[in-house]
Amino acid sequence: MPARKRLGRPRRTDLRRVMEAILRHGGCQWRQLPRHFPAFTTVQGYFYRWIREGQWEAMNHILVILSREQDGRNATPSVGIIDSQSVKTAENKSTTDTPSHVVAAVVHPADVQDRDGASLVATKIRSLFPWLRHLIGDGGYAGEKLWGALAELGRWTIEIAGAAIGLKASSSCRNAGSWSAALHGSDAAAALRRMSRQQTRYPARG
């Protein structure tokens, strides 16, 4: 949690109670917070303040490292599974490690293509978990445009599992123009099984 500032008035708000209120808040209106929590304006203020200061990202980063170490894994992941969720006019692009910890997330307008938003996530990954350089995604992330964008960020590899046609492709983004693909039938389950096997292939790394 953020430390107390040396200057200014002493902080009287219990940040643990603020955190509990935020977690309790969920998707309801701030005014609907139970009264045994701090004033909703105080809770709301801390919530948006921590967004501006990057505190949520910092807390998640520490929790991911601690959870992985507790599971006997390397502190930093090396494999990420990229996915997206749309909410009205916005879309959340996130990457998880193989145990499903969220390692990076970006919110962008819904009209941004998956392969364009993926480079935004990769930029954030590079600063948070520099050893994570292998991404797994569905067919929406296929194409030389994404691989070219990733090549500008360093040495990356990306594996595509296309649920619609059972397509898998692997590319070294250092050579964004060269990639290989193999068809495995039209059964969508084939691609999903491929992703499941990929998660178990890196038990110590990812």
Protein backbone atom coordinates (compact mmCIF):
# COMPACT_ATOMS: atom_id res chain seq x y z
CA MET A 1 0.00 0.00 0.00
CA PRO A 2 1.18 3.59 -0.59
CA ALA A 3 3.28 4.89 2.29
CA ARG A 4 2.29 7.94 4.29
CA LYS A 5 3.61 11.24 3.00
CA ARG A 6 6.05 13.13 5.20
CA LEU A 7 4.46 16.51 4.49
CA GLY A 8 0.87 17.58 5.02
CA ARG A 9 -1.73 16.46 7.50
CA PRO A 10 -1.46 12.95 8.98
CA ARG A 11 -3.56 10.40 7.13
CA ARG A 12 -6.54 9.31 9.20
CA THR A 13 -8.14 6.98 6.66
CA ASP A 14 -7.49 3.27 7.11
CA LEU A 15 -6.30 2.14 3.67
CA ARG A 16 -7.19 -1.46 4.47
CA ARG A 17 -10.81 -0.39 4.87
CA VAL A 18 -10.57 1.57 1.63
CA MET A 19 -9.31 -1.53 -0.19
CA GLU A 20 -12.07 -3.66 1.31
CA ALA A 21 -14.63 -1.09 0.18
CA ILE A 22 -13.25 -1.06 -3.37
CA LEU A 23 -13.36 -4.85 -3.55
CA ARG A 24 -16.88 -4.78 -2.11
CA HIS A 25 -17.86 -2.10 -4.61
CA GLY A 26 -17.70 -4.43 -7.59
CA GLY A 27 -19.87 -2.93 -10.32
CA CYS A 28 -22.39 -1.08 -8.15
CA GLN A 29 -22.64 2.68 -7.76
CA TRP A 30 -20.28 4.31 -5.29
CA ARG A 31 -23.20 5.73 -3.32
CA GLN A 32 -24.41 2.20 -2.60
CA LEU A 33 -21.37 1.27 -0.49
CA PRO A 34 -22.41 0.13 3.01
CA ARG A 35 -22.00 2.84 5.63
CA HIS A 36 -19.55 0.90 7.77
CA PHE A 37 -16.91 1.68 5.12
CA PRO A 38 -15.25 5.10 4.77
CA ALA A 39 -17.27 7.76 2.94
CA PHE A 40 -17.88 6.75 -0.65
CA THR A 41 -16.27 9.97 -1.88
CA THR A 42 -13.10 9.04 0.01
CA VAL A 43 -13.09 5.50 -1.39
CA GLN A 44 -13.80 6.76 -4.90
CA GLY A 45 -11.03 9.34 -4.60
CA TYR A 46 -8.44 6.75 -3.60
CA PHE A 47 -9.59 4.40 -6.38
CA TYR A 48 -9.02 6.94 -9.16
CA ARG A 49 -5.92 8.34 -7.52
CA TRP A 50 -4.30 4.91 -7.48
CA ILE A 51 -5.18 4.51 -11.16
CA ARG A 52 -3.43 7.78 -12.01
CA GLU A 53 -0.37 6.90 -9.92
CA GLY A 54 -0.08 3.36 -11.27
CA GLN A 55 -0.59 1.84 -7.82
CA TRP A 56 -2.97 -0.89 -9.02
CA GLU A 57 -0.44 -2.04 -11.60
CA ALA A 58 2.32 -2.03 -8.99
CA MET A 59 0.24 -4.03 -6.50
CA ASN A 60 -0.73 -6.58 -9.16
CA HIS A 61 2.91 -6.90 -10.22
CA ILE A 62 4.01 -7.73 -6.68
CA LEU A 63 1.13 -10.16 -6.11
CA VAL A 64 1.88 -12.04 -9.34
CA ILE A 65 5.53 -12.47 -8.31
CA LEU A 66 4.64 -13.60 -4.77
CA SER A 67 1.98 -16.04 -5.99
CA ARG A 68 4.31 -17.60 -8.55
CA GLU A 69 7.09 -18.01 -6.00
CA GLN A 70 4.63 -19.57 -3.58
CA ASP A 71 3.74 -22.12 -6.29
CA GLY A 72 7.40 -22.95 -6.80
CA ARG A 73 7.67 -21.17 -10.15
CA ASN A 74 10.11 -18.57 -11.41
CA ALA A 75 9.15 -15.12 -10.19
CA THR A 76 8.71 -13.77 -13.72
CA PRO A 77 6.75 -15.62 -16.43
CA SER A 78 8.17 -16.36 -19.86
CA VAL A 79 4.92 -17.31 -21.65
CA GLY A 80 1.78 -15.19 -21.92
CA ILE A 81 -1.72 -15.94 -23.23
CA ILE A 82 -3.29 -12.87 -24.79
CA ASP A 83 -7.07 -12.37 -24.95
CA SER A 84 -9.65 -9.59 -25.11
CA GLN A 85 -13.08 -8.79 -23.63
CA SER A 86 -15.43 -6.19 -25.10
CA VAL A 87 -17.66 -3.95 -22.96
CA LYS A 88 -19.89 -1.58 -24.95
CA THR A 89 -17.54 0.84 -26.76
CA ALA A 90 -14.34 -0.28 -25.02
CA GLU A 91 -12.22 -3.39 -25.10
CA ASN A 92 -9.89 -4.83 -22.49
CA LYS A 93 -6.78 -6.49 -23.86
CA SER A 94 -5.01 -8.60 -21.25
CA THR A 95 -2.24 -11.16 -21.01
CA THR A 96 -2.10 -13.90 -18.41
CA ASP A 97 0.62 -16.36 -17.53
CA THR A 98 -0.13 -20.08 -17.61
CA PRO A 99 -1.49 -20.15 -14.01
CA SER A 100 -3.92 -17.39 -15.16
CA HIS A 101 -2.39 -14.42 -13.33
CA VAL A 102 -3.05 -11.17 -15.18
CA VAL A 103 0.41 -9.81 -16.00
CA ALA A 104 -0.62 -6.83 -18.16
CA ALA A 105 -3.82 -5.19 -19.39
CA VAL A 106 -4.75 -2.28 -21.63
CA VAL A 107 -8.17 -0.70 -22.29
CA HIS A 108 -8.71 0.78 -25.75
CA PRO A 109 -11.66 1.68 -28.04
CA ALA A 110 -13.58 -1.31 -29.34
CA ASP A 111 -12.87 -0.42 -32.98
CA VAL A 112 -9.13 -1.13 -32.53
CA GLN A 113 -8.14 -4.44 -34.13
CA ASP A 114 -6.85 -7.22 -31.88
CA ARG A 115 -3.46 -7.26 -33.59
CA ASP A 116 -3.13 -3.48 -33.10
CA GLY A 117 -4.06 -3.60 -29.42
CA ALA A 118 -1.68 -6.50 -28.81
CA SER A 119 1.36 -4.32 -29.41
CA LEU A 120 0.11 -1.98 -26.67
CA VAL A 121 -0.01 -4.90 -24.24
CA ALA A 122 3.43 -6.09 -25.33
CA THR A 123 4.85 -2.63 -24.60
CA LYS A 124 3.54 -2.84 -21.06
CA ILE A 125 4.75 -6.42 -20.63
CA ARG A 126 8.27 -5.42 -21.63
CA SER A 127 8.51 -2.97 -18.72
CA LEU A 128 6.83 -5.23 -16.14
CA PHE A 129 8.10 -8.71 -17.04
CA PRO A 130 11.03 -8.35 -19.47
CA TRP A 131 11.60 -12.13 -19.65
CA LEU A 132 8.13 -12.76 -21.06
CA ARG A 133 8.72 -12.86 -24.81
CA HIS A 134 6.45 -15.70 -26.06
CA LEU A 135 2.75 -14.97 -26.67
CA ILE A 136 -0.12 -17.34 -27.44
CA GLY A 137 -3.31 -16.00 -29.01
CA ASP A 138 -6.21 -16.87 -31.32
CA GLY A 139 -6.58 -16.14 -35.02
CA GLY A 140 -7.34 -12.47 -34.41
CA TYR A 141 -3.66 -11.92 -33.68
CA ALA A 142 -2.36 -13.47 -36.90
CA GLY A 143 -0.61 -11.44 -39.56
CA GLU A 144 2.63 -9.71 -40.39
CA LYS A 145 1.39 -6.34 -39.10
CA LEU A 146 1.44 -7.50 -35.48
CA TRP A 147 4.70 -9.38 -35.89
CA GLY A 148 6.28 -6.29 -37.41
CA ALA A 149 5.11 -4.18 -34.45
CA LEU A 150 6.49 -6.73 -31.98
CA ALA A 151 9.80 -6.84 -33.84
CA GLU A 152 10.26 -3.17 -33.03
CA LEU A 153 10.01 -4.03 -29.32
CA GLY A 154 12.73 -6.69 -29.38
CA ARG A 155 12.91 -10.44 -29.86
CA TRP A 156 9.44 -11.98 -29.57
CA THR A 157 7.75 -15.18 -30.66
CA ILE A 158 4.01 -15.58 -31.11
CA GLU A 159 1.94 -18.71 -31.52
CA ILE A 160 -1.51 -18.54 -33.09
CA ALA A 161 -4.24 -21.08 -32.38
CA GLY A 162 -7.20 -20.34 -34.66
CA ALA A 163 -10.31 -21.87 -33.14
CA ALA A 164 -12.32 -21.31 -36.31
CA ILE A 165 -10.15 -23.36 -38.67
CA GLY A 166 -7.79 -25.18 -36.33
CA LEU A 167 -4.84 -23.12 -37.52
CA LYS A 168 -1.62 -22.93 -35.61
CA ALA A 169 1.28 -20.73 -36.60
CA SER A 170 4.57 -19.89 -35.04
CA SER A 171 6.69 -16.90 -35.89
CA SER A 172 9.89 -15.31 -34.71
CA CYS A 173 9.09 -11.62 -34.70
CA ARG A 174 12.69 -10.79 -35.43
CA ASN A 175 11.87 -12.06 -38.94
CA ALA A 176 8.32 -10.83 -39.13
CA GLY A 177 7.84 -11.77 -42.76
CA SER A 178 8.53 -15.47 -42.33
CA TRP A 179 6.10 -17.74 -40.58
CA SER A 180 4.89 -21.31 -40.85
CA ALA A 181 1.39 -22.64 -40.47
CA ALA A 182 -0.20 -26.07 -40.45
CA LEU A 183 -3.87 -26.95 -40.81
CA HIS A 184 -5.31 -29.48 -38.42
CA GLY A 185 -8.84 -29.80 -39.73
CA SER A 186 -11.87 -27.61 -39.24
CA ASP A 187 -12.70 -28.83 -35.75
CA ALA A 188 -12.45 -25.87 -33.36
CA ALA A 189 -11.67 -28.24 -30.51
CA ALA A 190 -8.35 -29.12 -32.13
CA ALA A 191 -7.08 -25.58 -31.65
CA LEU A 192 -8.38 -25.42 -28.09
CA ARG A 193 -6.63 -28.67 -27.24
CA ARG A 194 -3.46 -27.22 -28.75
CA MET A 195 -3.62 -24.24 -26.40
CA SER A 196 -4.25 -26.53 -23.44
CA ARG A 197 -1.18 -28.62 -24.28
CA GLN A 198 0.87 -25.44 -24.69
CA GLN A 199 0.02 -24.39 -21.13
CA THR A 200 1.33 -27.67 -19.72
CA ARG A 201 4.49 -27.58 -21.85
CA TYR A 202 6.00 -24.77 -19.76
CA PRO A 203 5.29 -25.85 -16.14
CA ALA A 204 8.47 -24.26 -14.77
CA ARG A 205 8.81 -21.29 -17.12
CA GLY A 206 5.29 -19.89 -17.55
